[in-house]
Amino acid sequence: MSTELFDLTGKRALVTGSSQGIGYALAKGLAATGAEIILNGRDAAKLAAAARDLGAGHTLAFDATDHQAVRKAVDAFEADVDRARLFRHAAECCARRRPELFRLARKAHASRP
């Protein structure tokens, strides 16, 4: 697949129905362009297999037609990823300059649910 027209490096894509079929093909194409892909489907076993095949780091098992399930899964994912990024950023940047910020970030990370 040619990726000359698209570079999605640094972008995140949630692909619904991506454990098989068209959703799987779309996730594969997005991954080839550098996107961080998040696979979705209702069957956790199929999602795990697709994640292994595609090298995806994230899966979210929920029914995309259930608005409350979508909101709950996406909100939880974003909160978890943002906390991890905050902690990593603090560890990389702040520890060298301001140790107290590193301690605060570590404390916030430790208190996550």
PDB file of N, CA and C in Angstrom:
ATOM      1  N   MET A   1       0.848  -1.183   0.000  1.00  0.00           N
ATOM      2  CA  MET A   1       0.000   0.000   0.000  1.00  0.00           C
ATOM      3  C   MET A   1       0.889   1.240   0.000  1.00  0.00           C
ATOM      4  N   SER A   2       0.588   2.177  -0.866  1.00  0.00           N
ATOM      5  CA  SER A   2       1.334   3.422  -0.913  1.00  0.00           C
ATOM      6  C   SER A   2       0.817   4.368   0.155  1.00  0.00           C
ATOM      7  N   THR A   3       1.732   4.930   0.917  1.00  0.00           N
ATOM      8  CA  THR A   3       1.332   5.866   1.968  1.00  0.00           C
ATOM      9  C   THR A   3       1.859   7.257   1.676  1.00  0.00           C
ATOM     10  N   GLU A   4       2.201   7.527   0.416  1.00  0.00           N
ATOM     11  CA  GLU A   4       2.751   8.825   0.052  1.00  0.00           C
ATOM     12  C   GLU A   4       1.770   9.967   0.304  1.00  0.00           C
ATOM     13  N   LEU A   5       0.489   9.725   0.111  1.00  0.00           N
ATOM     14  CA  LEU A   5      -0.504  10.782   0.263  1.00  0.00           C
ATOM     15  C   LEU A   5      -0.888  11.039   1.710  1.00  0.00           C
ATOM     16  N   PHE A   6      -0.655  10.062   2.571  1.00  0.00           N
ATOM     17  CA  PHE A   6      -1.104  10.182   3.947  1.00  0.00           C
ATOM     18  C   PHE A   6       0.016   9.888   4.929  1.00  0.00           C
ATOM     19  N   ASP A   7       0.141  10.729   5.919  1.00  0.00           N
ATOM     20  CA  ASP A   7       1.027  10.444   7.040  1.00  0.00           C
ATOM     21  C   ASP A   7       0.245  10.774   8.298  1.00  0.00           C
ATOM     22  N   LEU A   8      -0.167   9.751   8.987  1.00  0.00           N
ATOM     23  CA  LEU A   8      -0.974   9.940  10.193  1.00  0.00           C
ATOM     24  C   LEU A   8      -0.168   9.705  11.462  1.00  0.00           C
ATOM     25  N   THR A   9       1.139   9.804  11.354  1.00  0.00           N
ATOM     26  CA  THR A   9       2.001   9.641  12.515  1.00  0.00           C
ATOM     27  C   THR A   9       1.589  10.641  13.597  1.00  0.00           C
ATOM     28  N   GLY A  10       1.439  10.150  14.816  1.00  0.00           N
ATOM     29  CA  GLY A  10       1.040  11.007  15.925  1.00  0.00           C
ATOM     30  C   GLY A  10      -0.458  11.161  16.074  1.00  0.00           C
ATOM     31  N   LYS A  11      -1.224  10.573  15.175  1.00  0.00           N
ATOM     32  CA  LYS A  11      -2.684  10.629  15.249  1.00  0.00           C
ATOM     33  C   LYS A  11      -3.205   9.314  15.806  1.00  0.00           C
ATOM     34  N   ARG A  12      -4.344   9.386  16.464  1.00  0.00           N
ATOM     35  CA  ARG A  12      -4.970   8.208  17.050  1.00  0.00           C
ATOM     36  C   ARG A  12      -6.292   7.957  16.335  1.00  0.00           C
ATOM     37  N   ALA A  13      -6.550   6.679  15.985  1.00  0.00           N
ATOM     38  CA  ALA A  13      -7.786   6.334  15.281  1.00  0.00           C
ATOM     39  C   ALA A  13      -8.485   5.180  15.986  1.00  0.00           C
ATOM     40  N   LEU A  14      -9.729   5.413  16.381  1.00  0.00           N
ATOM     41  CA  LEU A  14     -10.579   4.352  16.919  1.00  0.00           C
ATOM     42  C   LEU A  14     -11.369   3.806  15.738  1.00  0.00           C
ATOM     43  N   VAL A  15     -11.168   2.527  15.429  1.00  0.00           N
ATOM     44  CA  VAL A  15     -11.837   1.912  14.290  1.00  0.00           C
ATOM     45  C   VAL A  15     -12.853   0.913  14.813  1.00  0.00           C
ATOM     46  N   THR A  16     -14.130   1.223  14.619  1.00  0.00           N
ATOM     47  CA  THR A  16     -15.181   0.331  15.093  1.00  0.00           C
ATOM     48  C   THR A  16     -15.299  -0.868  14.156  1.00  0.00           C
ATOM     49  N   GLY A  17     -15.686  -1.990  14.731  1.00  0.00           N
ATOM     50  CA  GLY A  17     -15.839  -3.211  13.941  1.00  0.00           C
ATOM     51  C   GLY A  17     -14.530  -3.693  13.341  1.00  0.00           C
ATOM     52  N   SER A  18     -13.434  -3.458  14.042  1.00  0.00           N
ATOM     53  CA  SER A  18     -12.119  -3.706  13.454  1.00  0.00           C
ATOM     54  C   SER A  18     -11.528  -5.069  13.775  1.00  0.00           C
ATOM     55  N   SER A  19     -12.320  -5.970  14.335  1.00  0.00           N
ATOM     56  CA  SER A  19     -11.793  -7.303  14.619  1.00  0.00           C
ATOM     57  C   SER A  19     -11.860  -8.199  13.393  1.00  0.00           C
ATOM     58  N   GLN A  20     -12.576  -7.757  12.351  1.00  0.00           N
ATOM     59  CA  GLN A  20     -12.703  -8.547  11.128  1.00  0.00           C
ATOM     60  C   GLN A  20     -13.259  -7.684   9.998  1.00  0.00           C
ATOM     61  N   GLY A  21     -13.201  -8.200   8.796  1.00  0.00           N
ATOM     62  CA  GLY A  21     -13.837  -7.575   7.641  1.00  0.00           C
ATOM     63  C   GLY A  21     -13.311  -6.206   7.271  1.00  0.00           C
ATOM     64  N   ILE A  22     -14.233  -5.336   6.882  1.00  0.00           N
ATOM     65  CA  ILE A  22     -13.879  -4.004   6.402  1.00  0.00           C
ATOM     66  C   ILE A  22     -13.196  -3.186   7.501  1.00  0.00           C
ATOM     67  N   GLY A  23     -13.681  -3.282   8.728  1.00  0.00           N
ATOM     68  CA  GLY A  23     -13.058  -2.551   9.837  1.00  0.00           C
ATOM     69  C   GLY A  23     -11.616  -2.975  10.055  1.00  0.00           C
ATOM     70  N   TYR A  24     -11.348  -4.274   9.935  1.00  0.00           N
ATOM     71  CA  TYR A  24      -9.987  -4.798  10.070  1.00  0.00           C
ATOM     72  C   TYR A  24      -9.103  -4.222   8.961  1.00  0.00           C
ATOM     73  N   ALA A  25      -9.599  -4.243   7.727  1.00  0.00           N
ATOM     74  CA  ALA A  25      -8.830  -3.713   6.594  1.00  0.00           C
ATOM     75  C   ALA A  25      -8.554  -2.226   6.773  1.00  0.00           C
ATOM     76  N   LEU A  26      -9.534  -1.498   7.252  1.00  0.00           N
ATOM     77  CA  LEU A  26      -9.352  -0.066   7.493  1.00  0.00           C
ATOM     78  C   LEU A  26      -8.307   0.169   8.580  1.00  0.00           C
ATOM     79  N   ALA A  27      -8.376  -0.592   9.660  1.00  0.00           N
ATOM     80  CA  ALA A  27      -7.386  -0.460  10.738  1.00  0.00           C
ATOM     81  C   ALA A  27      -5.983  -0.770  10.225  1.00  0.00           C
ATOM     82  N   LYS A  28      -5.876  -1.789   9.402  1.00  0.00           N
ATOM     83  CA  LYS A  28      -4.579  -2.163   8.822  1.00  0.00           C
ATOM     84  C   LYS A  28      -4.021  -1.022   7.969  1.00  0.00           C
ATOM     85  N   GLY A  29      -4.873  -0.412   7.169  1.00  0.00           N
ATOM     86  CA  GLY A  29      -4.455   0.719   6.332  1.00  0.00           C
ATOM     87  C   GLY A  29      -4.037   1.926   7.153  1.00  0.00           C
ATOM     88  N   LEU A  30      -4.786   2.230   8.193  1.00  0.00           N
ATOM     89  CA  LEU A  30      -4.441   3.360   9.054  1.00  0.00           C
ATOM     90  C   LEU A  30      -3.122   3.120   9.782  1.00  0.00           C
ATOM     91  N   ALA A  31      -2.919   1.887  10.228  1.00  0.00           N
ATOM     92  CA  ALA A  31      -1.660   1.549  10.899  1.00  0.00           C
ATOM     93  C   ALA A  31      -0.483   1.712   9.935  1.00  0.00           C
ATOM     94  N   ALA A  32      -0.694   1.346   8.674  1.00  0.00           N
ATOM     95  CA  ALA A  32       0.370   1.467   7.676  1.00  0.00           C
ATOM     96  C   ALA A  32       0.756   2.920   7.422  1.00  0.00           C
ATOM     97  N   THR A  33      -0.150   3.846   7.699  1.00  0.00           N
ATOM     98  CA  THR A  33       0.153   5.266   7.503  1.00  0.00           C
ATOM     99  C   THR A  33       0.703   5.916   8.766  1.00  0.00           C
ATOM    100  N   GLY A  34       0.914   5.119   9.809  1.00  0.00           N
ATOM    101  CA  GLY A  34       1.539   5.627  11.020  1.00  0.00           C
ATOM    102  C   GLY A  34       0.605   5.944  12.160  1.00  0.00           C
ATOM    103  N   ALA A  35      -0.693   5.756  11.968  1.00  0.00           N
ATOM    104  CA  ALA A  35      -1.654   6.068  13.029  1.00  0.00           C
ATOM    105  C   ALA A  35      -1.552   5.063  14.168  1.00  0.00           C
ATOM    106  N   GLU A  36      -1.802   5.545  15.373  1.00  0.00           N
ATOM    107  CA  GLU A  36      -1.968   4.664  16.529  1.00  0.00           C
ATOM    108  C   GLU A  36      -3.402   4.169  16.460  1.00  0.00           C
ATOM    109  N   ILE A  37      -3.588   2.873  16.271  1.00  0.00           N
ATOM    110  CA  ILE A  37      -4.944   2.362  16.090  1.00  0.00           C
ATOM    111  C   ILE A  37      -5.469   1.745  17.378  1.00  0.00           C
ATOM    112  N   ILE A  38      -6.750   1.975  17.600  1.00  0.00           N
ATOM    113  CA  ILE A  38      -7.471   1.400  18.721  1.00  0.00           C
ATOM    114  C   ILE A  38      -8.568   0.542  18.100  1.00  0.00           C
ATOM    115  N   LEU A  39      -8.490  -0.738  18.339  1.00  0.00           N
ATOM    116  CA  LEU A  39      -9.452  -1.655  17.753  1.00  0.00           C
ATOM    117  C   LEU A  39     -10.691  -1.761  18.618  1.00  0.00           C
ATOM    118  N   ASN A  40     -11.837  -1.912  17.958  1.00  0.00           N
ATOM    119  CA  ASN A  40     -13.107  -2.056  18.664  1.00  0.00           C
ATOM    120  C   ASN A  40     -13.903  -3.186  18.053  1.00  0.00           C
ATOM    121  N   GLY A  41     -14.620  -3.873  18.906  1.00  0.00           N
ATOM    122  CA  GLY A  41     -15.563  -4.899  18.499  1.00  0.00           C
ATOM    123  C   GLY A  41     -16.266  -5.404  19.740  1.00  0.00           C
ATOM    124  N   ARG A  42     -17.202  -6.308  19.545  1.00  0.00           N
ATOM    125  CA  ARG A  42     -17.938  -6.840  20.691  1.00  0.00           C
ATOM    126  C   ARG A  42     -17.297  -8.087  21.274  1.00  0.00           C
ATOM    127  N   ASP A  43     -16.501  -8.782  20.484  1.00  0.00           N
ATOM    128  CA  ASP A  43     -15.903 -10.053  20.900  1.00  0.00           C
ATOM    129  C   ASP A  43     -14.444  -9.835  21.307  1.00  0.00           C
ATOM    130  N   ALA A  44     -14.180  -9.939  22.600  1.00  0.00           N
ATOM    131  CA  ALA A  44     -12.828  -9.665  23.121  1.00  0.00           C
ATOM    132  C   ALA A  44     -11.784 -10.622  22.551  1.00  0.00           C
ATOM    133  N   ALA A  45     -12.156 -11.880  22.322  1.00  0.00           N
ATOM    134  CA  ALA A  45     -11.198 -12.854  21.776  1.00  0.00           C
ATOM    135  C   ALA A  45     -10.807 -12.481  20.347  1.00  0.00           C
ATOM    136  N   LYS A  46     -11.791 -12.100  19.527  1.00  0.00           N
ATOM    137  CA  LYS A  46     -11.488 -11.668  18.154  1.00  0.00           C
ATOM    138  C   LYS A  46     -10.643 -10.395  18.156  1.00  0.00           C
ATOM    139  N   LEU A  47     -10.940  -9.496  19.088  1.00  0.00           N
ATOM    140  CA  LEU A  47     -10.153  -8.263  19.190  1.00  0.00           C
ATOM    141  C   LEU A  47      -8.700  -8.564  19.540  1.00  0.00           C
ATOM    142  N   ALA A  48      -8.496  -9.477  20.474  1.00  0.00           N
ATOM    143  CA  ALA A  48      -7.139  -9.835  20.880  1.00  0.00           C
ATOM    144  C   ALA A  48      -6.367 -10.430  19.704  1.00  0.00           C
ATOM    145  N   ALA A  49      -7.021 -11.272  18.913  1.00  0.00           N
ATOM    146  CA  ALA A  49      -6.366 -11.875  17.745  1.00  0.00           C
ATOM    147  C   ALA A  49      -6.026 -10.800  16.712  1.00  0.00           C
ATOM    148  N   ALA A  50      -6.949  -9.892  16.467  1.00  0.00           N
ATOM    149  CA  ALA A  50      -6.699  -8.814  15.507  1.00  0.00           C
ATOM    150  C   ALA A  50      -5.570  -7.910  15.993  1.00  0.00           C
ATOM    151  N   ALA A  51      -5.548  -7.628  17.282  1.00  0.00           N
ATOM    152  CA  ALA A  51      -4.494  -6.782  17.850  1.00  0.00           C
ATOM    153  C   ALA A  51      -3.126  -7.437  17.669  1.00  0.00           C
ATOM    154  N   ARG A  52      -3.060  -8.742  17.868  1.00  0.00           N
ATOM    155  CA  ARG A  52      -1.791  -9.458  17.637  1.00  0.00           C
ATOM    156  C   ARG A  52      -1.382  -9.355  16.177  1.00  0.00           C
ATOM    157  N   ASP A  53      -2.319  -9.573  15.271  1.00  0.00           N
ATOM    158  CA  ASP A  53      -2.023  -9.536  13.837  1.00  0.00           C
ATOM    159  C   ASP A  53      -1.586  -8.154  13.362  1.00  0.00           C
ATOM    160  N   LEU A  54      -2.225  -7.127  13.891  1.00  0.00           N
ATOM    161  CA  LEU A  54      -1.963  -5.766  13.430  1.00  0.00           C
ATOM    162  C   LEU A  54      -0.914  -5.037  14.262  1.00  0.00           C
ATOM    163  N   GLY A  55      -0.532  -5.613  15.375  1.00  0.00           N
ATOM    164  CA  GLY A  55       0.415  -4.933  16.252  1.00  0.00           C
ATOM    165  C   GLY A  55      -0.211  -3.747  16.966  1.00  0.00           C
ATOM    166  N   ALA A  56      -1.513  -3.821  17.180  1.00  0.00           N
ATOM    167  CA  ALA A  56      -2.224  -2.733  17.858  1.00  0.00           C
ATOM    168  C   ALA A  56      -2.014  -2.842  19.357  1.00  0.00           C
ATOM    169  N   GLY A  57      -1.807  -1.713  19.990  1.00  0.00           N
ATOM    170  CA  GLY A  57      -1.583  -1.711  21.425  1.00  0.00           C
ATOM    171  C   GLY A  57      -2.836  -1.593  22.255  1.00  0.00           C
ATOM    172  N   HIS A  58      -3.940  -1.208  21.616  1.00  0.00           N
ATOM    173  CA  HIS A  58      -5.151  -0.940  22.389  1.00  0.00           C
ATOM    174  C   HIS A  58      -6.361  -1.610  21.750  1.00  0.00           C
ATOM    175  N   THR A  59      -7.208  -2.162  22.602  1.00  0.00           N
ATOM    176  CA  THR A  59      -8.499  -2.688  22.158  1.00  0.00           C
ATOM    177  C   THR A  59      -9.565  -2.209  23.129  1.00  0.00           C
ATOM    178  N   LEU A  60     -10.736  -1.937  22.612  1.00  0.00           N
ATOM    179  CA  LEU A  60     -11.883  -1.553  23.437  1.00  0.00           C
ATOM    180  C   LEU A  60     -13.065  -2.405  23.002  1.00  0.00           C
ATOM    181  N   ALA A  61     -13.493  -3.288  23.868  1.00  0.00           N
ATOM    182  CA  ALA A  61     -14.625  -4.165  23.564  1.00  0.00           C
ATOM    183  C   ALA A  61     -15.913  -3.499  24.049  1.00  0.00           C
ATOM    184  N   PHE A  62     -16.746  -3.093  23.093  1.00  0.00           N
ATOM    185  CA  PHE A  62     -18.069  -2.555  23.401  1.00  0.00           C
ATOM    186  C   PHE A  62     -18.908  -2.596  22.134  1.00  0.00           C
ATOM    187  N   ASP A  63     -20.216  -2.498  22.316  1.00  0.00           N
ATOM    188  CA  ASP A  63     -21.156  -2.458  21.199  1.00  0.00           C
ATOM    189  C   ASP A  63     -21.275  -1.007  20.742  1.00  0.00           C
ATOM    190  N   ALA A  64     -20.850  -0.727  19.529  1.00  0.00           N
ATOM    191  CA  ALA A  64     -20.830   0.649  19.021  1.00  0.00           C
ATOM    192  C   ALA A  64     -22.229   1.242  18.846  1.00  0.00           C
ATOM    193  N   THR A  65     -23.273   0.414  18.919  1.00  0.00           N
ATOM    194  CA  THR A  65     -24.636   0.943  18.821  1.00  0.00           C
ATOM    195  C   THR A  65     -25.203   1.342  20.172  1.00  0.00           C
ATOM    196  N   ASP A  66     -24.464   1.077  21.248  1.00  0.00           N
ATOM    197  CA  ASP A  66     -24.888   1.408  22.612  1.00  0.00           C
ATOM    198  C   ASP A  66     -24.155   2.678  23.052  1.00  0.00           C
ATOM    199  N   HIS A  67     -24.842   3.812  22.983  1.00  0.00           N
ATOM    200  CA  HIS A  67     -24.221   5.110  23.257  1.00  0.00           C
ATOM    201  C   HIS A  67     -23.547   5.152  24.632  1.00  0.00           C
ATOM    202  N   GLN A  68     -24.207   4.627  25.648  1.00  0.00           N
ATOM    203  CA  GLN A  68     -23.626   4.661  26.988  1.00  0.00           C
ATOM    204  C   GLN A  68     -22.356   3.808  27.081  1.00  0.00           C
ATOM    205  N   ALA A  69     -22.355   2.665  26.414  1.00  0.00           N
ATOM    206  CA  ALA A  69     -21.169   1.808  26.416  1.00  0.00           C
ATOM    207  C   ALA A  69     -20.011   2.487  25.691  1.00  0.00           C
ATOM    208  N   VAL A  70     -20.323   3.177  24.591  1.00  0.00           N
ATOM    209  CA  VAL A  70     -19.287   3.907  23.844  1.00  0.00           C
ATOM    210  C   VAL A  70     -18.686   4.985  24.730  1.00  0.00           C
ATOM    211  N   ARG A  71     -19.533   5.793  25.326  1.00  0.00           N
ATOM    212  CA  ARG A  71     -19.074   6.901  26.177  1.00  0.00           C
ATOM    213  C   ARG A  71     -18.209   6.386  27.330  1.00  0.00           C
ATOM    214  N   LYS A  72     -18.670   5.337  27.985  1.00  0.00           N
ATOM    215  CA  LYS A  72     -17.937   4.788  29.121  1.00  0.00           C
ATOM    216  C   LYS A  72     -16.562   4.262  28.705  1.00  0.00           C
ATOM    217  N   ALA A  73     -16.498   3.500  27.633  1.00  0.00           N
ATOM    218  CA  ALA A  73     -15.227   2.916  27.176  1.00  0.00           C
ATOM    219  C   ALA A  73     -14.254   3.988  26.706  1.00  0.00           C
ATOM    220  N   VAL A  74     -14.741   4.934  25.922  1.00  0.00           N
ATOM    221  CA  VAL A  74     -13.858   5.982  25.384  1.00  0.00           C
ATOM    222  C   VAL A  74     -13.376   6.900  26.503  1.00  0.00           C
ATOM    223  N   ASP A  75     -14.266   7.289  27.393  1.00  0.00           N
ATOM    224  CA  ASP A  75     -13.852   8.148  28.511  1.00  0.00           C
ATOM    225  C   ASP A  75     -12.802   7.468  29.380  1.00  0.00           C
ATOM    226  N   ALA A  76     -13.010   6.195  29.676  1.00  0.00           N
ATOM    227  CA  ALA A  76     -12.044   5.454  30.503  1.00  0.00           C
ATOM    228  C   ALA A  76     -10.699   5.334  29.787  1.00  0.00           C
ATOM    229  N   PHE A  77     -10.736   5.059  28.495  1.00  0.00           N
ATOM    230  CA  PHE A  77      -9.494   4.943  27.719  1.00  0.00           C
ATOM    231  C   PHE A  77      -8.737   6.266  27.711  1.00  0.00           C
ATOM    232  N   GLU A  78      -9.444   7.350  27.413  1.00  0.00           N
ATOM    233  CA  GLU A  78      -8.780   8.653  27.349  1.00  0.00           C
ATOM    234  C   GLU A  78      -8.201   9.049  28.701  1.00  0.00           C
ATOM    235  N   ALA A  79      -8.918   8.796  29.760  1.00  0.00           N
ATOM    236  CA  ALA A  79      -8.409   9.134  31.090  1.00  0.00           C
ATOM    237  C   ALA A  79      -7.157   8.333  31.402  1.00  0.00           C
ATOM    238  N   ASP A  80      -7.172   7.063  31.082  1.00  0.00           N
ATOM    239  CA  ASP A  80      -6.021   6.208  31.358  1.00  0.00           C
ATOM    240  C   ASP A  80      -4.814   6.604  30.513  1.00  0.00           C
ATOM    241  N   VAL A  81      -5.016   6.831  29.230  1.00  0.00           N
ATOM    242  CA  VAL A  81      -3.915   7.208  28.334  1.00  0.00           C
ATOM    243  C   VAL A  81      -3.366   8.571  28.713  1.00  0.00           C
ATOM    244  N   ASP A  82      -4.242   9.523  29.017  1.00  0.00           N
ATOM    245  CA  ASP A  82      -3.771  10.860  29.390  1.00  0.00           C
ATOM    246  C   ASP A  82      -2.965  10.828  30.677  1.00  0.00           C
ATOM    247  N   ARG A  83      -3.386  10.014  31.657  1.00  0.00           N
ATOM    248  CA  ARG A  83      -2.612   9.892  32.899  1.00  0.00           C
ATOM    249  C   ARG A  83      -1.234   9.310  32.610  1.00  0.00           C
ATOM    250  N   ALA A  84      -1.191   8.297  31.786  1.00  0.00           N
ATOM    251  CA  ALA A  84       0.093   7.671  31.458  1.00  0.00           C
ATOM    252  C   ALA A  84       1.001   8.650  30.735  1.00  0.00           C
ATOM    253  N   ARG A  85       0.447   9.428  29.812  1.00  0.00           N
ATOM    254  CA  ARG A  85       1.260  10.414  29.091  1.00  0.00           C
ATOM    255  C   ARG A  85       1.739  11.520  30.014  1.00  0.00           C
ATOM    256  N   LEU A  86       0.891  11.976  30.919  1.00  0.00           N
ATOM    257  CA  LEU A  86       1.282  12.997  31.881  1.00  0.00           C
ATOM    258  C   LEU A  86       2.443  12.492  32.727  1.00  0.00           C
ATOM    259  N   PHE A  87       2.332  11.272  33.207  1.00  0.00           N
ATOM    260  CA  PHE A  87       3.379  10.710  34.043  1.00  0.00           C
ATOM    261  C   PHE A  87       4.682  10.565  33.259  1.00  0.00           C
ATOM    262  N   ARG A  88       4.584  10.049  32.038  1.00  0.00           N
ATOM    263  CA  ARG A  88       5.782   9.861  31.219  1.00  0.00           C
ATOM    264  C   ARG A  88       6.433  11.209  30.915  1.00  0.00           C
ATOM    265  N   HIS A  89       5.620  12.196  30.575  1.00  0.00           N
ATOM    266  CA  HIS A  89       6.144  13.530  30.281  1.00  0.00           C
ATOM    267  C   HIS A  89       6.831  14.115  31.516  1.00  0.00           C
ATOM    268  N   ALA A  90       6.200  13.964  32.660  1.00  0.00           N
ATOM    269  CA  ALA A  90       6.793  14.479  33.895  1.00  0.00           C
ATOM    270  C   ALA A  90       8.115  13.784  34.185  1.00  0.00           C
ATOM    271  N   ALA A  91       8.135  12.492  33.970  1.00  0.00           N
ATOM    272  CA  ALA A  91       9.364  11.739  34.229  1.00  0.00           C
ATOM    273  C   ALA A  91      10.482  12.159  33.291  1.00  0.00           C
ATOM    274  N   GLU A  92      10.153  12.431  32.035  1.00  0.00           N
ATOM    275  CA  GLU A  92      11.169  12.789  31.055  1.00  0.00           C
ATOM    276  C   GLU A  92      11.640  14.229  31.200  1.00  0.00           C
ATOM    277  N   CYS A  93      10.730  15.139  31.461  1.00  0.00           N
ATOM    278  CA  CYS A  93      11.071  16.563  31.438  1.00  0.00           C
ATOM    279  C   CYS A  93      11.331  17.169  32.813  1.00  0.00           C
ATOM    280  N   CYS A  94      10.417  16.931  33.695  1.00  0.00           N
ATOM    281  CA  CYS A  94      10.436  17.651  34.968  1.00  0.00           C
ATOM    282  C   CYS A  94      11.436  17.106  35.967  1.00  0.00           C
ATOM    283  N   ALA A  95      11.729  15.832  35.900  1.00  0.00           N
ATOM    284  CA  ALA A  95      12.641  15.236  36.880  1.00  0.00           C
ATOM    285  C   ALA A  95      14.016  15.888  36.820  1.00  0.00           C
ATOM    286  N   ARG A  96      14.432  16.274  35.635  1.00  0.00           N
ATOM    287  CA  ARG A  96      15.748  16.888  35.490  1.00  0.00           C
ATOM    288  C   ARG A  96      15.755  18.323  36.011  1.00  0.00           C
ATOM    289  N   ARG A  97      14.622  19.007  35.888  1.00  0.00           N
ATOM    290  CA  ARG A  97      14.589  20.430  36.210  1.00  0.00           C
ATOM    291  C   ARG A  97      13.963  20.746  37.560  1.00  0.00           C
ATOM    292  N   ARG A  98      12.833  20.108  37.829  1.00  0.00           N
ATOM    293  CA  ARG A  98      12.097  20.438  39.051  1.00  0.00           C
ATOM    294  C   ARG A  98      11.609  19.151  39.705  1.00  0.00           C
ATOM    295  N   PRO A  99      12.411  18.600  40.584  1.00  0.00           N
ATOM    296  CA  PRO A  99      12.056  17.315  41.206  1.00  0.00           C
ATOM    297  C   PRO A  99      10.692  17.324  41.891  1.00  0.00           C
ATOM    298  N   GLU A 100      10.228  18.464  42.385  1.00  0.00           N
ATOM    299  CA  GLU A 100       8.936  18.482  43.072  1.00  0.00           C
ATOM    300  C   GLU A 100       7.795  18.188  42.096  1.00  0.00           C
ATOM    301  N   LEU A 101       7.928  18.603  40.825  1.00  0.00           N
ATOM    302  CA  LEU A 101       6.898  18.299  39.839  1.00  0.00           C
ATOM    303  C   LEU A 101       6.878  16.801  39.528  1.00  0.00           C
ATOM    304  N   PHE A 102       8.042  16.209  39.495  1.00  0.00           N
ATOM    305  CA  PHE A 102       8.125  14.773  39.265  1.00  0.00           C
ATOM    306  C   PHE A 102       7.422  14.024  40.397  1.00  0.00           C
ATOM    307  N   ARG A 103       7.653  14.447  41.631  1.00  0.00           N
ATOM    308  CA  ARG A 103       7.008  13.788  42.763  1.00  0.00           C
ATOM    309  C   ARG A 103       5.487  13.945  42.688  1.00  0.00           C
ATOM    310  N   LEU A 104       5.005  15.122  42.280  1.00  0.00           N
ATOM    311  CA  LEU A 104       3.566  15.338  42.155  1.00  0.00           C
ATOM    312  C   LEU A 104       2.978  14.439  41.064  1.00  0.00           C
ATOM    313  N   ALA A 105       3.664  14.341  39.938  1.00  0.00           N
ATOM    314  CA  ALA A 105       3.177  13.492  38.846  1.00  0.00           C
ATOM    315  C   ALA A 105       3.164  12.036  39.276  1.00  0.00           C
ATOM    316  N   ARG A 106       4.193  11.608  39.982  1.00  0.00           N
ATOM    317  CA  ARG A 106       4.244  10.221  40.452  1.00  0.00           C
ATOM    318  C   ARG A 106       3.099   9.944  41.421  1.00  0.00           C
ATOM    319  N   LYS A 107       2.816  10.907  42.291  1.00  0.00           N
ATOM    320  CA  LYS A 107       1.737  10.749  43.270  1.00  0.00           C
ATOM    321  C   LYS A 107       0.382  10.658  42.541  1.00  0.00           C
ATOM    322  N   ALA A 108       0.184  11.504  41.519  1.00  0.00           N
ATOM    323  CA  ALA A 108      -1.070  11.473  40.756  1.00  0.00           C
ATOM    324  C   ALA A 108      -1.218  10.141  40.025  1.00  0.00           C
ATOM    325  N   HIS A 109      -0.128   9.630  39.480  1.00  0.00           N
ATOM    326  CA  HIS A 109      -0.163   8.353  38.778  1.00  0.00           C
ATOM    327  C   HIS A 109      -0.480   7.216  39.734  1.00  0.00           C
ATOM    328  N   ALA A 110       0.077   7.259  40.918  1.00  0.00           N
ATOM    329  CA  ALA A 110      -0.129   6.203  41.907  1.00  0.00           C
ATOM    330  C   ALA A 110      -1.573   6.170  42.418  1.00  0.00           C
ATOM    331  N   SER A 111      -2.255   7.315  42.370  1.00  0.00           N
ATOM    332  CA  SER A 111      -3.608   7.373  42.912  1.00  0.00           C
ATOM    333  C   SER A 111      -4.686   7.042  41.888  1.00  0.00           C
ATOM    334  N   ARG A 112      -4.286   6.656  40.676  1.00  0.00           N
ATOM    335  CA  ARG A 112      -5.285   6.357  39.663  1.00  0.00           C
ATOM    336  C   ARG A 112      -6.069   5.102  40.022  1.00  0.00           C
ATOM    337  N   PRO A 113      -7.328   5.064  39.584  1.00  0.00           N
ATOM    338  CA  PRO A 113      -8.194   3.946  39.961  1.00  0.00           C
ATOM    339  C   PRO A 113      -7.770   2.634  39.352  1.00  0.00           C
TER     340      PRO A 113
END
